[in-house]
Amino acid sequence: MEDWDQSKADATADMRLNQVHPSGGAGGTSDLTASPTRKRAAAKAIETHLEPETARDGRHTESSMNAAAKEFGAKDGEGWQTSVALKKALEAWERQAKGLVHRLTNEKGQLREVAGRFDSTEGGTAEQLSRMKSGIDGL
C-alpha cells in the first residue's frame, strides 16, 4: 500500500496547476504577445515571394510533363499508358498547385485582418483607459 501512496503523491506533484513550470512555462515563452507588424510582414512575404513563386513553380512542370506525355503518346495508333498517366498526374499537380496558391492567398488575407483587429482593439482599449478617472487624479 505504501508504493501506491508514493505513486499517487508523485503523480499529484506532477499535476499541480497553481505553479509556473521552473523554466518559465511548459517549453514556450512566459509572455503572450501579438505583433501586428510581424503579421503584416508575414503577409507581405506571402504576397511578394510565396504566392508568385508557388504559382510559377506550379506552371513550370507543365511544359516538361506535356513533352514527356507527347513522347509516350500514340505515334502509330497505339501509345503507352504512361502518356495517359502523365497527363492525369499533371492535372493533379495543377489542382494542388492552384489549391496551395489559393490557401496562401487566404492566409495572407487572414494575417492582415488579424493585424488590423489587433490595432483597432488595442487603440480602443487605450482610448478607454485614457478616459478613466482615478481617485487620485485630483490630488
C-alpha atoms as a PDB file:
ATOM      1  CA  MET A   1       0.000   0.000   0.000  1.00  0.00           C
ATOM      2  CA  GLU A   2       2.913   2.327   0.633  1.00  0.00           C
ATOM      3  CA  ASP A   3       4.010   2.011  -3.014  1.00  0.00           C
ATOM      4  CA  TRP A   4       0.545   3.143  -4.122  1.00  0.00           C
ATOM      5  CA  ASP A   5       0.626   6.127  -1.790  1.00  0.00           C
ATOM      6  CA  GLN A   6       4.052   7.134  -3.106  1.00  0.00           C
ATOM      7  CA  SER A   7       2.943   6.747  -6.754  1.00  0.00           C
ATOM      8  CA  LYS A   8      -0.164   8.827  -6.052  1.00  0.00           C
ATOM      9  CA  ALA A   9       1.908  11.531  -4.359  1.00  0.00           C
ATOM     10  CA  ASP A  10       4.349  11.614  -7.288  1.00  0.00           C
ATOM     11  CA  ALA A  11       1.520  11.907  -9.825  1.00  0.00           C
ATOM     12  CA  THR A  12      -0.137  14.673  -7.814  1.00  0.00           C
ATOM     13  CA  ALA A  13       3.133  16.598  -7.601  1.00  0.00           C
ATOM     14  CA  ASP A  14       3.464  16.451 -11.409  1.00  0.00           C
ATOM     15  CA  MET A  15      -0.077  17.754 -11.952  1.00  0.00           C
ATOM     16  CA  ARG A  16      -0.050  20.972  -9.920  1.00  0.00           C
ATOM     17  CA  LEU A  17      -1.715  23.725 -11.895  1.00  0.00           C
ATOM     18  CA  ASN A  18      -1.119  26.584  -9.493  1.00  0.00           C
ATOM     19  CA  GLN A  19       2.566  26.943 -10.307  1.00  0.00           C
ATOM     20  CA  VAL A  20       4.619  28.040 -13.262  1.00  0.00           C
ATOM     21  CA  HIS A  21       6.959  25.488 -14.731  1.00  0.00           C
ATOM     22  CA  PRO A  22      10.517  26.154 -13.468  1.00  0.00           C
ATOM     23  CA  SER A  23      11.652  27.063 -16.976  1.00  0.00           C
ATOM     24  CA  GLY A  24       9.037  29.824 -17.179  1.00  0.00           C
ATOM     25  CA  GLY A  25       6.338  27.774 -18.858  1.00  0.00           C
ATOM     26  CA  ALA A  26       5.859  24.437 -20.486  1.00  0.00           C
ATOM     27  CA  GLY A  27       8.594  24.942 -23.045  1.00  0.00           C
ATOM     28  CA  GLY A  28       7.327  28.223 -24.520  1.00  0.00           C
ATOM     29  CA  THR A  29       7.879  31.822 -23.629  1.00  0.00           C
ATOM     30  CA  SER A  30       6.400  33.205 -20.468  1.00  0.00           C
ATOM     31  CA  ASP A  31       4.572  36.112 -22.113  1.00  0.00           C
ATOM     32  CA  LEU A  32       1.732  36.188 -24.605  1.00  0.00           C
ATOM     33  CA  THR A  33       2.157  38.819 -27.278  1.00  0.00           C
ATOM     34  CA  ALA A  34       0.673  39.631 -30.626  1.00  0.00           C
ATOM     35  CA  SER A  35       2.573  41.622 -33.172  1.00  0.00           C
ATOM     36  CA  PRO A  36       0.512  43.236 -35.929  1.00  0.00           C
ATOM     37  CA  THR A  37       3.775  44.373 -37.526  1.00  0.00           C
ATOM     38  CA  ARG A  38       5.063  40.810 -37.766  1.00  0.00           C
ATOM     39  CA  LYS A  39       1.718  39.613 -39.120  1.00  0.00           C
ATOM     40  CA  ARG A  40       1.843  42.263 -41.854  1.00  0.00           C
ATOM     41  CA  ALA A  41       5.445  41.310 -42.641  1.00  0.00           C
ATOM     42  CA  ALA A  42       4.420  37.660 -42.979  1.00  0.00           C
ATOM     43  CA  ALA A  43       1.525  38.649 -45.249  1.00  0.00           C
ATOM     44  CA  LYS A  44       3.911  40.708 -47.390  1.00  0.00           C
ATOM     45  CA  ALA A  45       6.344  37.778 -47.639  1.00  0.00           C
ATOM     46  CA  ILE A  46       3.490  35.571 -48.810  1.00  0.00           C
ATOM     47  CA  GLU A  47       2.448  38.191 -51.358  1.00  0.00           C
ATOM     48  CA  THR A  48       5.898  39.005 -52.727  1.00  0.00           C
ATOM     49  CA  HIS A  49       7.579  35.585 -52.554  1.00  0.00           C
ATOM     50  CA  LEU A  50       5.455  32.559 -51.747  1.00  0.00           C
ATOM     51  CA  GLU A  51       2.396  33.249 -53.926  1.00  0.00           C
ATOM     52  CA  PRO A  52       4.222  34.182 -57.147  1.00  0.00           C
ATOM     53  CA  GLU A  53       6.962  31.576 -56.722  1.00  0.00           C
ATOM     54  CA  THR A  54       4.468  28.805 -55.968  1.00  0.00           C
ATOM     55  CA  ALA A  55       2.349  29.773 -58.967  1.00  0.00           C
ATOM     56  CA  ARG A  56       5.442  29.937 -61.193  1.00  0.00           C
ATOM     57  CA  ASP A  57       6.772  26.591 -59.996  1.00  0.00           C
ATOM     58  CA  GLY A  58       3.339  25.046 -60.406  1.00  0.00           C
ATOM     59  CA  ARG A  59       3.310  26.129 -64.070  1.00  0.00           C
ATOM     60  CA  HIS A  60       6.970  25.203 -64.642  1.00  0.00           C
ATOM     61  CA  THR A  61       6.171  21.495 -64.558  1.00  0.00           C
ATOM     62  CA  GLU A  62       3.535  21.791 -67.268  1.00  0.00           C
ATOM     63  CA  SER A  63       5.859  22.085 -70.278  1.00  0.00           C
ATOM     64  CA  SER A  64       8.130  19.181 -69.315  1.00  0.00           C
ATOM     65  CA  MET A  65       5.187  16.917 -68.388  1.00  0.00           C
ATOM     66  CA  ASN A  66       3.397  17.705 -71.648  1.00  0.00           C
ATOM     67  CA  ALA A  67       6.582  16.978 -73.602  1.00  0.00           C
ATOM     68  CA  ALA A  68       7.010  13.646 -71.820  1.00  0.00           C
ATOM     69  CA  ALA A  69       3.359  12.724 -72.344  1.00  0.00           C
ATOM     70  CA  LYS A  70       3.742  13.535 -76.037  1.00  0.00           C
ATOM     71  CA  GLU A  71       6.814  11.300 -76.346  1.00  0.00           C
ATOM     72  CA  PHE A  72       4.911   8.378 -74.806  1.00  0.00           C
ATOM     73  CA  GLY A  73       1.777   9.168 -76.810  1.00  0.00           C
ATOM     74  CA  ALA A  74       0.405   7.387 -79.849  1.00  0.00           C
ATOM     75  CA  LYS A  75       2.553   7.685 -82.937  1.00  0.00           C
ATOM     76  CA  ASP A  76       1.198   4.777 -84.944  1.00  0.00           C
ATOM     77  CA  GLY A  77      -2.241   4.460 -83.405  1.00  0.00           C
ATOM     78  CA  GLU A  78      -1.068   2.941 -80.135  1.00  0.00           C
ATOM     79  CA  GLY A  79       0.504   4.774 -77.272  1.00  0.00           C
ATOM     80  CA  TRP A  80       1.863   3.867 -73.895  1.00  0.00           C
ATOM     81  CA  GLN A  81      -0.302   4.033 -70.801  1.00  0.00           C
ATOM     82  CA  THR A  82       2.453   6.191 -69.373  1.00  0.00           C
ATOM     83  CA  SER A  83       1.248   9.065 -71.546  1.00  0.00           C
ATOM     84  CA  VAL A  84      -2.239   8.931 -70.040  1.00  0.00           C
ATOM     85  CA  ALA A  85      -0.793   8.564 -66.525  1.00  0.00           C
ATOM     86  CA  LEU A  86       1.461  11.590 -67.021  1.00  0.00           C
ATOM     87  CA  LYS A  87      -1.475  13.686 -68.178  1.00  0.00           C
ATOM     88  CA  LYS A  88      -3.501  12.651 -65.107  1.00  0.00           C
ATOM     89  CA  ALA A  89      -0.535  13.362 -62.850  1.00  0.00           C
ATOM     90  CA  LEU A  90      -0.161  16.803 -64.425  1.00  0.00           C
ATOM     91  CA  GLU A  91      -3.847  17.566 -63.846  1.00  0.00           C
ATOM     92  CA  ALA A  92      -3.498  16.559 -60.191  1.00  0.00           C
ATOM     93  CA  TRP A  93      -0.315  18.651 -59.868  1.00  0.00           C
ATOM     94  CA  GLU A  94      -2.029  21.708 -61.332  1.00  0.00           C
ATOM     95  CA  ARG A  95      -5.021  21.321 -58.990  1.00  0.00           C
ATOM     96  CA  GLN A  96      -2.726  21.033 -55.987  1.00  0.00           C
ATOM     97  CA  ALA A  97      -0.568  23.980 -57.041  1.00  0.00           C
ATOM     98  CA  LYS A  98      -3.654  26.159 -57.562  1.00  0.00           C
ATOM     99  CA  GLY A  99      -5.040  24.985 -54.225  1.00  0.00           C
ATOM    100  CA  LEU A 100      -1.798  25.904 -52.498  1.00  0.00           C
ATOM    101  CA  VAL A 101      -1.756  29.369 -54.070  1.00  0.00           C
ATOM    102  CA  HIS A 102      -5.393  29.813 -53.015  1.00  0.00           C
ATOM    103  CA  ARG A 103      -4.544  28.791 -49.459  1.00  0.00           C
ATOM    104  CA  LEU A 104      -1.591  31.182 -49.359  1.00  0.00           C
ATOM    105  CA  THR A 105      -3.886  33.978 -50.561  1.00  0.00           C
ATOM    106  CA  ASN A 106      -6.340  33.175 -47.752  1.00  0.00           C
ATOM    107  CA  GLU A 107      -3.573  33.050 -45.139  1.00  0.00           C
ATOM    108  CA  LYS A 108      -2.243  36.410 -46.325  1.00  0.00           C
ATOM    109  CA  GLY A 109      -5.687  37.981 -46.024  1.00  0.00           C
ATOM    110  CA  GLN A 110      -6.265  36.493 -42.589  1.00  0.00           C
ATOM    111  CA  LEU A 111      -2.910  37.732 -41.318  1.00  0.00           C
ATOM    112  CA  ARG A 112      -3.739  41.251 -42.469  1.00  0.00           C
ATOM    113  CA  GLU A 113      -7.232  41.075 -40.997  1.00  0.00           C
ATOM    114  CA  VAL A 114      -5.949  39.904 -37.616  1.00  0.00           C
ATOM    115  CA  ALA A 115      -3.264  42.609 -37.611  1.00  0.00           C
ATOM    116  CA  GLY A 116      -5.945  45.216 -38.255  1.00  0.00           C
ATOM    117  CA  ARG A 117      -8.142  43.826 -35.499  1.00  0.00           C
ATOM    118  CA  PHE A 118      -5.274  43.913 -33.015  1.00  0.00           C
ATOM    119  CA  ASP A 119      -4.565  47.519 -33.945  1.00  0.00           C
ATOM    120  CA  SER A 120      -8.192  48.607 -33.561  1.00  0.00           C
ATOM    121  CA  THR A 121      -8.701  46.648 -30.334  1.00  0.00           C
ATOM    122  CA  GLU A 122      -5.502  47.974 -28.823  1.00  0.00           C
ATOM    123  CA  GLY A 123      -6.335  51.534 -29.882  1.00  0.00           C
ATOM    124  CA  GLY A 124      -9.863  51.254 -28.489  1.00  0.00           C
ATOM    125  CA  THR A 125      -8.602  49.879 -25.180  1.00  0.00           C
ATOM    126  CA  ALA A 126      -6.001  52.634 -24.907  1.00  0.00           C
ATOM    127  CA  GLU A 127      -8.682  55.249 -25.574  1.00  0.00           C
ATOM    128  CA  GLN A 128     -10.983  53.781 -22.918  1.00  0.00           C
ATOM    129  CA  LEU A 129      -8.176  53.667 -20.379  1.00  0.00           C
ATOM    130  CA  SER A 130      -7.200  57.268 -21.089  1.00  0.00           C
ATOM    131  CA  ARG A 131     -10.763  58.395 -20.306  1.00  0.00           C
ATOM    132  CA  MET A 132     -10.901  56.600 -16.974  1.00  0.00           C
ATOM    133  CA  LYS A 133     -10.601  58.761 -13.883  1.00  0.00           C
ATOM    134  CA  SER A 134      -8.682  57.686 -10.862  1.00  0.00           C
ATOM    135  CA  GLY A 135      -9.460  58.640  -7.273  1.00  0.00           C
ATOM    136  CA  ILE A 136      -6.055  60.237  -7.013  1.00  0.00           C
ATOM    137  CA  ASP A 137      -6.379  62.400 -10.138  1.00  0.00           C
ATOM    138  CA  GLY A 138      -7.426  65.468  -8.157  1.00  0.00           C
ATOM    139  CA  LEU A 139      -4.719  65.207  -5.518  1.00  0.00           C
END
